Amino acid sequence: AFATDSTDLFSRALRSGGWLAALPAAFAVGLATAATPCVYPMIVITVSVFGARNETRARAAVLSTAFVHGIATLFVAIGLLAGMFGSVE
């Protein structure tokens, strides 16, 4: 069951609009975590990995963006599963 006293973005979206509203909320929160300082070194590493493949700058940017969106999608799915099964405190 879901906690009724929670006021976080995901819980509010889940109560007000169901899963269709909660999924974008979870995705937005997941993307917001990419702004934390521990992620900054990964930006340079990711761009250098895709840039070292003799790709154009635009192609390297597209590959990096696809890589980051793949990671975000994975963690949203993991977070939703953890939330559904109540393992997130």
N, C-alpha and C. Protein backbone atom coordinates (compact mmCIF):
# COMPACT_ATOMS: atom_id res chain seq x y z
N ALA A 1 0.84 -1.18 0.00
CA ALA A 1 0.00 0.00 0.00
C ALA A 1 0.88 1.24 0.00
N PHE A 2 0.30 2.34 -0.39
CA PHE A 2 1.04 3.59 -0.47
C PHE A 2 0.83 4.41 0.80
N ALA A 3 1.86 5.13 1.20
CA ALA A 3 1.76 5.99 2.38
C ALA A 3 0.85 7.17 2.05
N THR A 4 -0.06 7.48 2.95
CA THR A 4 -1.00 8.57 2.70
C THR A 4 -0.51 9.89 3.26
N ASP A 5 0.52 9.89 4.13
CA ASP A 5 0.98 11.13 4.72
C ASP A 5 2.18 11.72 3.97
N SER A 6 2.57 11.13 2.88
CA SER A 6 3.72 11.60 2.12
C SER A 6 3.34 12.81 1.28
N THR A 7 4.24 13.76 1.15
CA THR A 7 3.96 14.96 0.37
C THR A 7 4.95 15.13 -0.77
N ASP A 8 5.67 14.09 -1.14
CA ASP A 8 6.63 14.23 -2.23
C ASP A 8 5.90 14.29 -3.57
N LEU A 9 6.62 14.73 -4.59
CA LEU A 9 6.05 14.93 -5.92
C LEU A 9 5.43 13.67 -6.49
N PHE A 10 6.13 12.56 -6.35
CA PHE A 10 5.64 11.30 -6.90
C PHE A 10 4.33 10.88 -6.24
N SER A 11 4.26 10.95 -4.91
CA SER A 11 3.04 10.54 -4.19
C SER A 11 1.86 11.43 -4.54
N ARG A 12 2.10 12.73 -4.63
CA ARG A 12 1.01 13.64 -5.00
C ARG A 12 0.51 13.35 -6.41
N ALA A 13 1.44 13.12 -7.34
CA ALA A 13 1.03 12.81 -8.71
C ALA A 13 0.30 11.49 -8.78
N LEU A 14 0.75 10.53 -7.99
CA LEU A 14 0.12 9.22 -7.98
C LEU A 14 -1.32 9.31 -7.45
N ARG A 15 -1.52 10.08 -6.38
CA ARG A 15 -2.86 10.22 -5.82
C ARG A 15 -3.78 11.03 -6.73
N SER A 16 -3.25 12.07 -7.36
CA SER A 16 -4.13 12.95 -8.14
C SER A 16 -4.42 12.43 -9.54
N GLY A 17 -3.44 11.81 -10.19
CA GLY A 17 -3.66 11.43 -11.57
C GLY A 17 -3.34 9.99 -11.91
N GLY A 18 -2.97 9.20 -10.94
CA GLY A 18 -2.66 7.80 -11.22
C GLY A 18 -1.28 7.63 -11.82
N TRP A 19 -1.05 6.46 -12.42
CA TRP A 19 0.27 6.12 -12.94
C TRP A 19 0.69 7.01 -14.11
N LEU A 20 -0.28 7.46 -14.90
CA LEU A 20 0.09 8.30 -16.04
C LEU A 20 0.64 9.65 -15.61
N ALA A 21 0.24 10.14 -14.47
CA ALA A 21 0.80 11.39 -13.95
C ALA A 21 2.05 11.13 -13.13
N ALA A 22 2.13 9.98 -12.48
CA ALA A 22 3.27 9.68 -11.62
C ALA A 22 4.53 9.35 -12.41
N LEU A 23 4.39 8.75 -13.57
CA LEU A 23 5.57 8.37 -14.35
C LEU A 23 6.37 9.59 -14.81
N PRO A 24 5.74 10.61 -15.38
CA PRO A 24 6.53 11.80 -15.73
C PRO A 24 7.11 12.50 -14.50
N ALA A 25 6.39 12.46 -13.38
CA ALA A 25 6.92 13.06 -12.15
C ALA A 25 8.18 12.33 -11.70
N ALA A 26 8.15 11.02 -11.75
CA ALA A 26 9.33 10.23 -11.37
C ALA A 26 10.47 10.48 -12.34
N PHE A 27 10.17 10.60 -13.60
CA PHE A 27 11.21 10.87 -14.60
C PHE A 27 11.83 12.24 -14.36
N ALA A 28 11.00 13.24 -14.04
CA ALA A 28 11.51 14.60 -13.78
C ALA A 28 12.42 14.61 -12.55
N VAL A 29 12.02 13.92 -11.51
CA VAL A 29 12.84 13.86 -10.30
C VAL A 29 14.14 13.13 -10.59
N GLY A 30 14.08 12.08 -11.39
CA GLY A 30 15.29 11.36 -11.77
C GLY A 30 16.25 12.22 -12.56
N LEU A 31 15.73 13.02 -13.47
CA LEU A 31 16.58 13.93 -14.23
C LEU A 31 17.15 15.03 -13.34
N ALA A 32 16.38 15.45 -12.35
CA ALA A 32 16.88 16.49 -11.43
C ALA A 32 18.07 15.98 -10.62
N THR A 33 18.11 14.69 -10.35
CA THR A 33 19.26 14.16 -9.61
C THR A 33 20.54 14.23 -10.44
N ALA A 34 20.41 14.39 -11.74
CA ALA A 34 21.59 14.53 -12.58
C ALA A 34 22.29 15.86 -12.36
N ALA A 35 21.66 16.78 -11.64
CA ALA A 35 22.27 18.07 -11.36
C ALA A 35 23.08 18.06 -10.06
N THR A 36 23.20 16.92 -9.44
CA THR A 36 23.98 16.84 -8.20
C THR A 36 25.46 16.84 -8.52
N PRO A 37 26.31 17.37 -7.64
CA PRO A 37 27.74 17.50 -7.94
C PRO A 37 28.47 16.19 -8.22
N CYS A 38 28.01 15.09 -7.70
CA CYS A 38 28.72 13.83 -7.93
C CYS A 38 28.59 13.36 -9.38
N VAL A 39 27.67 13.94 -10.13
CA VAL A 39 27.46 13.53 -11.52
C VAL A 39 28.36 14.31 -12.47
N TYR A 40 28.82 15.48 -12.08
CA TYR A 40 29.59 16.34 -12.97
C TYR A 40 30.80 15.66 -13.60
N PRO A 41 31.60 14.89 -12.87
CA PRO A 41 32.74 14.22 -13.53
C PRO A 41 32.31 13.24 -14.63
N MET A 42 31.13 12.67 -14.51
CA MET A 42 30.65 11.71 -15.51
C MET A 42 30.32 12.39 -16.84
N ILE A 43 30.00 13.67 -16.82
CA ILE A 43 29.68 14.38 -18.05
C ILE A 43 30.91 14.38 -18.97
N VAL A 44 32.04 14.73 -18.42
CA VAL A 44 33.28 14.77 -19.20
C VAL A 44 33.65 13.38 -19.69
N ILE A 45 33.52 12.39 -18.84
CA ILE A 45 33.86 11.02 -19.21
C ILE A 45 32.96 10.53 -20.33
N THR A 46 31.67 10.75 -20.20
CA THR A 46 30.72 10.30 -21.22
C THR A 46 30.97 10.98 -22.56
N VAL A 47 31.16 12.28 -22.54
CA VAL A 47 31.41 13.00 -23.79
C VAL A 47 32.72 12.55 -24.42
N SER A 48 33.74 12.32 -23.61
CA SER A 48 35.03 11.90 -24.17
C SER A 48 34.96 10.49 -24.76
N VAL A 49 34.18 9.62 -24.16
CA VAL A 49 34.04 8.27 -24.69
C VAL A 49 33.38 8.30 -26.06
N PHE A 50 32.29 9.03 -26.18
CA PHE A 50 31.60 9.09 -27.46
C PHE A 50 32.34 9.98 -28.46
N GLY A 51 33.06 10.97 -27.98
CA GLY A 51 33.82 11.85 -28.85
C GLY A 51 35.07 11.18 -29.40
N ALA A 52 35.58 10.18 -28.71
CA ALA A 52 36.81 9.50 -29.13
C ALA A 52 36.57 8.47 -30.23
N ARG A 53 35.35 8.33 -30.67
CA ARG A 53 35.01 7.32 -31.68
C ARG A 53 35.07 7.88 -33.10
N ASN A 54 35.78 8.97 -33.30
CA ASN A 54 35.86 9.63 -34.61
C ASN A 54 34.49 10.00 -35.15
N GLU A 55 33.64 10.46 -34.27
CA GLU A 55 32.31 10.93 -34.65
C GLU A 55 32.33 12.45 -34.75
N THR A 56 31.38 13.00 -35.48
CA THR A 56 31.25 14.45 -35.51
C THR A 56 30.75 14.90 -34.15
N ARG A 57 30.88 16.18 -33.89
CA ARG A 57 30.43 16.71 -32.60
C ARG A 57 28.94 16.50 -32.40
N ALA A 58 28.17 16.71 -33.43
CA ALA A 58 26.71 16.54 -33.33
C ALA A 58 26.36 15.07 -33.06
N ARG A 59 27.03 14.17 -33.75
CA ARG A 59 26.76 12.73 -33.54
C ARG A 59 27.16 12.31 -32.13
N ALA A 60 28.29 12.82 -31.63
CA ALA A 60 28.73 12.51 -30.27
C ALA A 60 27.72 13.04 -29.25
N ALA A 61 27.16 14.22 -29.50
CA ALA A 61 26.16 14.78 -28.60
C ALA A 61 24.89 13.93 -28.60
N VAL A 62 24.49 13.47 -29.77
CA VAL A 62 23.30 12.60 -29.86
C VAL A 62 23.54 11.29 -29.13
N LEU A 63 24.70 10.69 -29.32
CA LEU A 63 25.02 9.44 -28.63
C LEU A 63 25.06 9.63 -27.11
N SER A 64 25.65 10.73 -26.66
CA SER A 64 25.71 11.01 -25.22
C SER A 64 24.32 11.22 -24.65
N THR A 65 23.49 11.93 -25.38
CA THR A 65 22.12 12.17 -24.93
C THR A 65 21.34 10.86 -24.84
N ALA A 66 21.50 10.00 -25.83
CA ALA A 66 20.82 8.70 -25.80
C ALA A 66 21.31 7.86 -24.62
N PHE A 67 22.59 7.93 -24.35
CA PHE A 67 23.18 7.20 -23.23
C PHE A 67 22.58 7.68 -21.90
N VAL A 68 22.51 8.98 -21.72
CA VAL A 68 21.98 9.56 -20.48
C VAL A 68 20.49 9.25 -20.33
N HIS A 69 19.74 9.34 -21.40
CA HIS A 69 18.31 9.03 -21.33
C HIS A 69 18.08 7.55 -21.03
N GLY A 70 18.94 6.71 -21.55
CA GLY A 70 18.84 5.28 -21.23
C GLY A 70 19.06 5.02 -19.75
N ILE A 71 20.06 5.67 -19.17
CA ILE A 71 20.32 5.53 -17.74
C ILE A 71 19.14 6.06 -16.94
N ALA A 72 18.62 7.23 -17.32
CA ALA A 72 17.48 7.80 -16.60
C ALA A 72 16.27 6.88 -16.67
N THR A 73 16.00 6.31 -17.83
CA THR A 73 14.87 5.40 -17.99
C THR A 73 15.04 4.17 -17.11
N LEU A 74 16.24 3.64 -17.07
CA LEU A 74 16.51 2.47 -16.23
C LEU A 74 16.25 2.77 -14.76
N PHE A 75 16.76 3.89 -14.27
CA PHE A 75 16.59 4.20 -12.86
C PHE A 75 15.16 4.59 -12.50
N VAL A 76 14.42 5.16 -13.45
CA VAL A 76 13.00 5.41 -13.20
C VAL A 76 12.26 4.09 -13.02
N ALA A 77 12.55 3.14 -13.89
CA ALA A 77 11.89 1.83 -13.79
C ALA A 77 12.25 1.14 -12.47
N ILE A 78 13.52 1.18 -12.10
CA ILE A 78 13.94 0.56 -10.84
C ILE A 78 13.28 1.26 -9.66
N GLY A 79 13.22 2.59 -9.70
CA GLY A 79 12.58 3.34 -8.62
C GLY A 79 11.10 3.05 -8.50
N LEU A 80 10.43 2.93 -9.65
CA LEU A 80 9.00 2.60 -9.62
C LEU A 80 8.77 1.21 -9.04
N LEU A 81 9.59 0.27 -9.44
CA LEU A 81 9.44 -1.09 -8.88
C LEU A 81 9.71 -1.12 -7.37
N ALA A 82 10.75 -0.41 -6.95
CA ALA A 82 11.04 -0.35 -5.52
C ALA A 82 9.89 0.32 -4.77
N GLY A 83 9.34 1.37 -5.35
CA GLY A 83 8.22 2.04 -4.71
C GLY A 83 6.96 1.18 -4.65
N MET A 84 6.73 0.43 -5.70
CA MET A 84 5.53 -0.43 -5.74
C MET A 84 5.60 -1.54 -4.70
N PHE A 85 6.79 -2.04 -4.47
CA PHE A 85 6.94 -3.14 -3.53
C PHE A 85 7.27 -2.67 -2.11
N GLY A 86 7.31 -1.37 -1.91
CA GLY A 86 7.46 -0.81 -0.57
C GLY A 86 8.85 -0.89 0.02
N SER A 87 9.87 -1.04 -0.80
CA SER A 87 11.21 -1.13 -0.25
C SER A 87 11.88 0.24 -0.14
N VAL A 88 11.20 1.30 -0.53
CA VAL A 88 11.74 2.64 -0.38
C VAL A 88 11.15 3.26 0.88
N GLU A 89 12.00 3.70 1.76
CA GLU A 89 11.52 4.26 3.04
C GLU A 89 11.36 5.74 2.93
